[in-house]
C-alpha atoms as a PDB file:
ATOM      1  CA  MET A   1     108.367 156.980  72.373  1.00  0.00           C
ATOM      2  CA  ALA A   2     108.603 154.461  70.597  1.00  0.00           C
ATOM      3  CA  ARG A   3     105.095 152.289  70.292  1.00  0.00           C
ATOM      4  CA  ILE A   4     105.932 148.473  70.268  1.00  0.00           C
ATOM      5  CA  THR A   5     103.259 146.373  69.213  1.00  0.00           C
ATOM      6  CA  ILE A   6     104.588 142.648  70.642  1.00  0.00           C
ATOM      7  CA  ILE A   7     103.489 140.384  68.555  1.00  0.00           C
ATOM      8  CA  GLU A   8     102.614 137.287  71.642  1.00  0.00           C
ATOM      9  CA  THR A   9     102.566 134.112  69.571  1.00  0.00           C
ATOM     10  CA  GLY A  10     103.066 131.405  73.065  1.00  0.00           C
ATOM     11  CA  GLN A  11     101.734 131.463  76.793  1.00  0.00           C
ATOM     12  CA  VAL A  12     103.636 131.621  79.766  1.00  0.00           C
ATOM     13  CA  PRO A  13     102.290 127.580  81.667  1.00  0.00           C
ATOM     14  CA  GLN A  14      99.280 129.329  83.042  1.00  0.00           C
ATOM     15  CA  LYS A  15     100.735 127.985  86.683  1.00  0.00           C
ATOM     16  CA  TYR A  16     103.498 130.708  86.431  1.00  0.00           C
ATOM     17  CA  ARG A  17     101.604 133.288  85.368  1.00  0.00           C
ATOM     18  CA  GLU A  18     100.071 135.084  87.986  1.00  0.00           C
ATOM     19  CA  ARG A  19     103.251 135.029  89.312  1.00  0.00           C
ATOM     20  CA  HIS A  20     106.120 136.382  86.026  1.00  0.00           C
ATOM     21  CA  GLY A  21     103.796 137.523  83.814  1.00  0.00           C
ATOM     22  CA  SER A  22     102.667 136.823  79.525  1.00  0.00           C
ATOM     23  CA  PHE A  23     105.597 136.829  77.504  1.00  0.00           C
ATOM     24  CA  PRO A  24     104.684 140.315  76.387  1.00  0.00           C
ATOM     25  CA  ASP A  25     104.827 141.262  80.179  1.00  0.00           C
ATOM     26  CA  MET A  26     108.026 140.616  80.321  1.00  0.00           C
ATOM     27  CA  PHE A  27     108.682 142.493  77.049  1.00  0.00           C
ATOM     28  CA  GLU A  28     107.472 144.997  78.530  1.00  0.00           C
ATOM     29  CA  ARG A  29     109.296 145.348  81.718  1.00  0.00           C
ATOM     30  CA  MET A  30     112.396 144.990  79.873  1.00  0.00           C
ATOM     31  CA  VAL A  31     111.300 148.027  77.016  1.00  0.00           C
ATOM     32  CA  ARG A  32     110.441 150.432  80.172  1.00  0.00           C
ATOM     33  CA  ALA A  33     113.310 150.074  81.645  1.00  0.00           C
ATOM     34  CA  GLU A  34     115.539 150.724  78.843  1.00  0.00           C
ATOM     35  CA  ASP A  35     112.247 153.127  77.955  1.00  0.00           C
ATOM     36  CA  PRO A  36     109.937 154.368  80.641  1.00  0.00           C
ATOM     37  CA  THR A  37     107.912 156.398  78.042  1.00  0.00           C
ATOM     38  CA  ALA A  38     107.629 153.819  75.743  1.00  0.00           C
ATOM     39  CA  THR A  39     103.968 152.953  74.667  1.00  0.00           C
ATOM     40  CA  VAL A  40     103.546 149.227  74.354  1.00  0.00           C
ATOM     41  CA  ASP A  41     100.992 147.334  72.103  1.00  0.00           C
ATOM     42  CA  ILE A  42      99.507 143.362  72.536  1.00  0.00           C
ATOM     43  CA  VAL A  43      98.658 141.176  70.084  1.00  0.00           C
ATOM     44  CA  SER A  44      98.586 137.591  70.939  1.00  0.00           C
ATOM     45  CA  ILE A  45      97.489 134.826  68.537  1.00  0.00           C
ATOM     46  CA  PRO A  46      96.699 132.609  71.345  1.00  0.00           C
ATOM     47  CA  ASN A  47      93.588 134.444  71.807  1.00  0.00           C
ATOM     48  CA  GLY A  48      92.728 134.946  68.478  1.00  0.00           C
ATOM     49  CA  ASP A  49      93.903 138.827  67.113  1.00  0.00           C
ATOM     50  CA  ALA A  50      94.242 139.651  64.265  1.00  0.00           C
ATOM     51  CA  LEU A  51      97.388 140.549  63.071  1.00  0.00           C
ATOM     52  CA  PRO A  52      97.313 144.171  61.730  1.00  0.00           C
ATOM     53  CA  ASP A  53      99.453 145.519  58.708  1.00  0.00           C
ATOM     54  CA  PRO A  54     102.930 146.026  59.313  1.00  0.00           C
ATOM     55  CA  ARG A  55     103.772 148.989  57.200  1.00  0.00           C
ATOM     56  CA  ASN A  56     101.213 151.013  60.635  1.00  0.00           C
ATOM     57  CA  LEU A  57     103.723 150.214  62.986  1.00  0.00           C
ATOM     58  CA  GLU A  58     106.077 152.010  64.275  1.00  0.00           C
ATOM     59  CA  ALA A  59     108.303 148.712  65.872  1.00  0.00           C
ATOM     60  CA  VAL A  60     107.461 144.786  65.698  1.00  0.00           C
ATOM     61  CA  LEU A  61     108.303 142.519  68.971  1.00  0.00           C
ATOM     62  CA  ILE A  62     107.941 138.736  68.444  1.00  0.00           C
ATOM     63  CA  THR A  63     107.954 136.078  70.959  1.00  0.00           C
ATOM     64  CA  GLY A  64     108.647 133.179  72.361  1.00  0.00           C
ATOM     65  CA  ALA A  65     107.385 129.622  72.112  1.00  0.00           C
ATOM     66  CA  ALA A  66     106.510 126.409  72.366  1.00  0.00           C
ATOM     67  CA  ALA A  67     105.314 125.173  69.023  1.00  0.00           C
ATOM     68  CA  GLY A  68     108.272 124.916  66.298  1.00  0.00           C
ATOM     69  CA  VAL A  69     108.586 127.303  63.107  1.00  0.00           C
ATOM     70  CA  TYR A  70     108.020 124.397  60.683  1.00  0.00           C
ATOM     71  CA  ASP A  71     105.187 122.739  63.404  1.00  0.00           C
ATOM     72  CA  GLY A  72     103.030 123.807  59.750  1.00  0.00           C
ATOM     73  CA  LEU A  73      99.311 125.311  62.315  1.00  0.00           C
ATOM     74  CA  ASP A  74      97.283 126.948  60.417  1.00  0.00           C
ATOM     75  CA  TRP A  75      98.971 130.997  62.062  1.00  0.00           C
ATOM     76  CA  ILE A  76     102.755 130.538  60.979  1.00  0.00           C
ATOM     77  CA  ALA A  77     102.015 131.201  56.737  1.00  0.00           C
ATOM     78  CA  PRO A  78      99.963 134.129  58.175  1.00  0.00           C
ATOM     79  CA  LEU A  79     102.365 135.299  60.426  1.00  0.00           C
ATOM     80  CA  GLU A  80     105.657 134.370  57.703  1.00  0.00           C
ATOM     81  CA  ASP A  81     103.767 137.051  55.533  1.00  0.00           C
ATOM     82  CA  PHE A  82     103.552 139.630  58.195  1.00  0.00           C
ATOM     83  CA  VAL A  83     106.938 139.208  58.534  1.00  0.00           C
ATOM     84  CA  ARG A  84     107.843 139.740  54.660  1.00  0.00           C
ATOM     85  CA  THR A  85     106.442 142.674  54.661  1.00  0.00           C
ATOM     86  CA  ALA A  86     107.253 144.338  57.696  1.00  0.00           C
ATOM     87  CA  TYR A  87     111.065 142.996  56.549  1.00  0.00           C
ATOM     88  CA  ALA A  88     109.610 144.845  53.359  1.00  0.00           C
ATOM     89  CA  ASN A  89     108.839 148.411  54.764  1.00  0.00           C
ATOM     90  CA  ARG A  90     112.534 148.221  56.655  1.00  0.00           C
ATOM     91  CA  THR A  91     109.742 148.396  59.645  1.00  0.00           C
ATOM     92  CA  PRO A  92     112.189 147.797  62.463  1.00  0.00           C
ATOM     93  CA  MET A  93     111.622 144.279  63.806  1.00  0.00           C
ATOM     94  CA  VAL A  94     113.077 141.889  66.822  1.00  0.00           C
ATOM     95  CA  GLY A  95     112.443 138.307  67.272  1.00  0.00           C
ATOM     96  CA  VAL A  96     113.006 136.366  70.361  1.00  0.00           C
ATOM     97  CA  CYS A  97     113.681 132.405  70.325  1.00  0.00           C
ATOM     98  CA  PHE A  98     110.212 131.253  68.151  1.00  0.00           C
ATOM     99  CA  GLY A  99     110.359 135.150  67.111  1.00  0.00           C
ATOM    100  CA  HIS A 100     114.153 134.010  65.963  1.00  0.00           C
ATOM    101  CA  GLN A 101     113.306 131.033  64.117  1.00  0.00           C
ATOM    102  CA  LEU A 102     110.237 131.463  62.521  1.00  0.00           C
ATOM    103  CA  ILE A 103     111.785 135.241  61.069  1.00  0.00           C
ATOM    104  CA  ALA A 104     114.854 133.469  60.102  1.00  0.00           C
ATOM    105  CA  GLN A 105     112.477 131.094  57.697  1.00  0.00           C
ATOM    106  CA  ALA A 106     109.985 134.060  56.880  1.00  0.00           C
ATOM    107  CA  LEU A 107     113.056 135.144  54.873  1.00  0.00           C
ATOM    108  CA  GLY A 108     115.124 131.930  53.393  1.00  0.00           C
ATOM    109  CA  GLY A 109     116.520 130.444  56.283  1.00  0.00           C
ATOM    110  CA  THR A 110     116.471 127.043  57.348  1.00  0.00           C
ATOM    111  CA  VAL A 111     115.663 125.878  61.221  1.00  0.00           C
ATOM    112  CA  ARG A 112     114.850 122.482  62.879  1.00  0.00           C
ATOM    113  CA  LYS A 113     115.711 120.520  66.474  1.00  0.00           C
ATOM    114  CA  SER A 114     119.059 120.267  66.856  1.00  0.00           C
ATOM    115  CA  GLU A 115     120.789 116.798  67.671  1.00  0.00           C
ATOM    116  CA  LYS A 116     122.482 118.099  70.448  1.00  0.00           C
ATOM    117  CA  GLY A 117     119.847 118.779  72.359  1.00  0.00           C
ATOM    118  CA  TRP A 118     118.276 121.036  75.309  1.00  0.00           C
ATOM    119  CA  GLY A 119     119.875 124.203  75.954  1.00  0.00           C
ATOM    120  CA  ILE A 120     118.823 125.611  78.971  1.00  0.00           C
ATOM    121  CA  GLY A 121     120.528 128.031  81.847  1.00  0.00           C
ATOM    122  CA  ARG A 122     122.797 130.624  81.587  1.00  0.00           C
ATOM    123  CA  HIS A 123     124.926 130.680  77.834  1.00  0.00           C
ATOM    124  CA  VAL A 124     127.966 132.713  76.757  1.00  0.00           C
ATOM    125  CA  TYR A 125     127.265 134.386  73.312  1.00  0.00           C
ATOM    126  CA  GLN A 126     130.447 135.543  71.067  1.00  0.00           C
ATOM    127  CA  VAL A 127     128.869 139.261  69.701  1.00  0.00           C
ATOM    128  CA  LEU A 128     131.138 139.668  65.997  1.00  0.00           C
ATOM    129  CA  PRO A 129     133.021 143.976  66.877  1.00  0.00           C
ATOM    130  CA  ASP A 130     130.993 147.003  65.325  1.00  0.00           C
ATOM    131  CA  ASN A 131     128.059 145.006  64.156  1.00  0.00           C
ATOM    132  CA  GLY A 132     126.469 148.204  65.236  1.00  0.00           C
ATOM    133  CA  VAL A 133     124.311 147.282  68.174  1.00  0.00           C
ATOM    134  CA  ILE A 134     124.989 145.344  70.490  1.00  0.00           C
ATOM    135  CA  ASP A 135     129.036 146.371  72.173  1.00  0.00           C
ATOM    136  CA  ASP A 136     130.357 143.709  74.386  1.00  0.00           C
ATOM    137  CA  GLU A 137     132.618 141.602  73.322  1.00  0.00           C
ATOM    138  CA  ALA A 138     130.288 138.102  74.871  1.00  0.00           C
ATOM    139  CA  VAL A 139     126.453 138.398  76.508  1.00  0.00           C
ATOM    140  CA  ALA A 140     126.018 135.600  79.619  1.00  0.00           C
ATOM    141  CA  ILE A 141     122.040 135.325  78.660  1.00  0.00           C
ATOM    142  CA  ALA A 142     119.938 132.517  80.122  1.00  0.00           C
ATOM    143  CA  CYS A 143     118.308 130.198  76.847  1.00  0.00           C
ATOM    144  CA  SER A 144     115.694 127.680  76.614  1.00  0.00           C
ATOM    145  CA  HIS A 145     114.992 126.698  73.278  1.00  0.00           C
ATOM    146  CA  GLN A 146     115.550 122.636  71.164  1.00  0.00           C
ATOM    147  CA  ASP A 147     115.145 123.778  68.110  1.00  0.00           C
ATOM    148  CA  GLN A 148     118.464 126.429  66.324  1.00  0.00           C
ATOM    149  CA  VAL A 149     118.452 128.217  62.849  1.00  0.00           C
ATOM    150  CA  MET A 150     120.691 126.569  61.032  1.00  0.00           C
ATOM    151  CA  GLU A 151     121.434 128.099  57.780  1.00  0.00           C
ATOM    152  CA  PRO A 152     120.240 131.346  57.846  1.00  0.00           C
ATOM    153  CA  PRO A 153     118.815 133.779  55.602  1.00  0.00           C
ATOM    154  CA  ASN A 154     121.311 135.573  52.695  1.00  0.00           C
ATOM    155  CA  ASP A 155     120.328 139.139  54.080  1.00  0.00           C
ATOM    156  CA  ALA A 156     121.327 137.495  58.205  1.00  0.00           C
ATOM    157  CA  LEU A 157     124.341 138.673  59.198  1.00  0.00           C
ATOM    158  CA  THR A 158     125.606 136.396  62.663  1.00  0.00           C
ATOM    159  CA  ILE A 159     126.064 138.525  65.544  1.00  0.00           C
ATOM    160  CA  LEU A 160     126.094 136.134  68.263  1.00  0.00           C
ATOM    161  CA  SER A 161     127.674 132.899  68.666  1.00  0.00           C
ATOM    162  CA  SER A 162     128.293 130.179  71.656  1.00  0.00           C
ATOM    163  CA  ASP A 163     129.397 126.425  70.114  1.00  0.00           C
ATOM    164  CA  PHE A 164     126.074 125.269  70.791  1.00  0.00           C
ATOM    165  CA  THR A 165     124.463 127.941  68.560  1.00  0.00           C
ATOM    166  CA  PRO A 166     126.241 129.015  65.969  1.00  0.00           C
ATOM    167  CA  HIS A 167     123.751 131.752  64.519  1.00  0.00           C
ATOM    168  CA  ALA A 168     122.294 132.897  68.403  1.00  0.00           C
ATOM    169  CA  GLY A 169     121.497 136.720  66.869  1.00  0.00           C
ATOM    170  CA  LEU A 170     121.171 137.652  63.621  1.00  0.00           C
ATOM    171  CA  LEU A 171     121.675 141.555  62.050  1.00  0.00           C
ATOM    172  CA  TYR A 172     119.523 141.081  58.726  1.00  0.00           C
ATOM    173  CA  ALA A 173     120.499 143.842  55.839  1.00  0.00           C
ATOM    174  CA  ASN A 174     117.483 145.865  55.842  1.00  0.00           C
ATOM    175  CA  GLY A 175     118.962 147.338  59.079  1.00  0.00           C
ATOM    176  CA  ALA A 176     116.038 146.926  60.588  1.00  0.00           C
ATOM    177  CA  THR A 177     115.444 143.456  61.776  1.00  0.00           C
ATOM    178  CA  LEU A 178     117.020 141.499  65.265  1.00  0.00           C
ATOM    179  CA  THR A 179     117.447 138.063  65.750  1.00  0.00           C
ATOM    180  CA  LEU A 180     118.085 136.420  69.066  1.00  0.00           C
ATOM    181  CA  GLN A 181     117.968 132.791  70.316  1.00  0.00           C
ATOM    182  CA  PRO A 182     118.276 133.635  73.627  1.00  0.00           C
ATOM    183  CA  HIS A 183     115.860 135.280  76.007  1.00  0.00           C
ATOM    184  CA  PRO A 184     116.737 138.673  77.430  1.00  0.00           C
ATOM    185  CA  GLU A 185     113.691 139.124  78.849  1.00  0.00           C
ATOM    186  CA  PHE A 186     113.955 136.613  81.481  1.00  0.00           C
ATOM    187  CA  ASP A 187     114.657 137.092  85.527  1.00  0.00           C
ATOM    188  CA  VAL A 188     116.916 134.598  86.751  1.00  0.00           C
ATOM    189  CA  GLU A 189     113.094 133.423  88.656  1.00  0.00           C
ATOM    190  CA  PHE A 190     111.490 131.923  85.073  1.00  0.00           C
ATOM    191  CA  ALA A 191     115.129 131.201  83.919  1.00  0.00           C
ATOM    192  CA  GLN A 192     114.494 128.747  86.552  1.00  0.00           C
ATOM    193  CA  VAL A 193     111.714 127.366  85.916  1.00  0.00           C
ATOM    194  CA  CYS A 194     112.255 127.657  81.755  1.00  0.00           C
ATOM    195  CA  CYS A 195     115.160 124.925  83.231  1.00  0.00           C
ATOM    196  CA  GLU A 196     112.544 122.605  85.750  1.00  0.00           C
ATOM    197  CA  LEU A 197     109.626 122.355  83.014  1.00  0.00           C
ATOM    198  CA  ARG A 198     113.052 119.999  81.014  1.00  0.00           C
ATOM    199  CA  ILE A 199     113.072 117.978  84.300  1.00  0.00           C
ATOM    200  CA  GLY A 200     112.208 114.428  82.755  1.00  0.00           C
ATOM    201  CA  LYS A 201     112.439 115.809  78.480  1.00  0.00           C
ATOM    202  CA  ALA A 202     115.742 116.799  79.038  1.00  0.00           C
ATOM    203  CA  PRO A 203     118.904 114.729  80.765  1.00  0.00           C
ATOM    204  CA  GLU A 204     119.437 115.166  83.908  1.00  0.00           C
ATOM    205  CA  ASP A 205     123.128 116.817  84.111  1.00  0.00           C
ATOM    206  CA  VAL A 206     121.845 119.211  81.736  1.00  0.00           C
ATOM    207  CA  VAL A 207     119.211 120.351  83.622  1.00  0.00           C
ATOM    208  CA  ALA A 208     121.305 120.753  86.981  1.00  0.00           C
ATOM    209  CA  THR A 209     124.374 121.741  85.688  1.00  0.00           C
ATOM    210  CA  ALA A 210     121.853 124.756  83.730  1.00  0.00           C
ATOM    211  CA  ARG A 211     120.135 125.787  86.855  1.00  0.00           C
ATOM    212  CA  GLU A 212     123.731 125.815  88.615  1.00  0.00           C
ATOM    213  CA  SER A 213     124.427 128.303  85.252  1.00  0.00           C
ATOM    214  CA  LEU A 214     121.632 130.852  86.503  1.00  0.00           C
ATOM    215  CA  ALA A 215     124.146 131.811  89.654  1.00  0.00           C
ATOM    216  CA  GLN A 216     127.037 133.745  87.761  1.00  0.00           C
ATOM    217  CA  PRO A 217     125.659 137.639  85.908  1.00  0.00           C
ATOM    218  CA  MET A 218     123.674 137.926  83.244  1.00  0.00           C
ATOM    219  CA  ASP A 219     124.150 140.243  80.501  1.00  0.00           C
ATOM    220  CA  HIS A 220     119.781 140.621  80.394  1.00  0.00           C
ATOM    221  CA  ALA A 221     120.220 144.506  80.884  1.00  0.00           C
ATOM    222  CA  LYS A 222     121.999 145.311  78.760  1.00  0.00           C
ATOM    223  CA  LEU A 223     120.554 143.514  75.526  1.00  0.00           C
ATOM    224  CA  GLY A 224     116.931 144.537  76.674  1.00  0.00           C
ATOM    225  CA  GLY A 225     118.616 147.873  76.392  1.00  0.00           C
ATOM    226  CA  ALA A 226     120.491 147.432  73.302  1.00  0.00           C
ATOM    227  CA  ILE A 227     116.841 145.561  71.655  1.00  0.00           C
ATOM    228  CA  THR A 228     114.867 148.466  73.066  1.00  0.00           C
ATOM    229  CA  ARG A 229     117.494 151.400  71.622  1.00  0.00           C
ATOM    230  CA  PHE A 230     117.229 148.905  68.291  1.00  0.00           C
ATOM    231  CA  LEU A 231     113.185 149.095  67.463  1.00  0.00           C
ATOM    232  CA  ALA A 232     113.261 152.599  68.555  1.00  0.00           C
ATOM    233  CA  ARG A 233     115.265 153.476  65.274  1.00  0.00           C
ATOM    234  CA  ARG A 234     112.341 154.013  63.087  1.00  0.00           C
ATOM    235  CA  SER A 235     113.493 157.908  62.600  1.00  0.00           C
ATOM    236  CA  THR A 236     116.956 157.107  60.950  1.00  0.00           C
ATOM    237  CA  SER A 237     115.863 154.111  59.589  1.00  0.00           C
ATOM    238  CA  SER A 238     113.625 155.202  57.578  1.00  0.00           C
ATOM    239  CA  SER A 239     114.575 158.112  55.836  1.00  0.00           C
END
């Protein structure tokens, strides 16, 4: 039975939270769809929760946030220390969107705002063959970001990529760390909300194309299952 500690780094805007839940709620639904017996603990940075010692945790999942990892907020450096400790301990760890970028930055990569602008809606990512985590040749997943990992850490292998996001998925050399730019925890309805939130921020045609793209088939359940299985690997990764 997996026990996953979700580190909440950002919050769903209040007006959408009642209908869609928090980011940890979305991840909990994603995890339980694959493993109904999973236990989920939540550590909320916005609510002021203290970070636990990752050496005492079975698995860690770091959520998305509106913040940039380079913003210099007072909680980012302690979270980077947490990541480095988890990494050295080979605690199974997954980061999504902000979590993907934060883990990359903590382990020596470079993150910044992309000159390509907003990535929203359904994006298709090519999958590196025989990576051991994701089986498909390509996956279609909703995304919502401007920042990107520009240079992955030396320890990271790029396993998901697109023209828009060359380093959209990273698998790390410790065998226990996986990070993703897109959002397998989002349902289509919340992915539409993310498009609406960009009206007036992203070009109109980008928003319109993104909203239309969400009518096409998505691989969220498949990728969510792969992440959940990865987080449950602790018994094999520590042997």
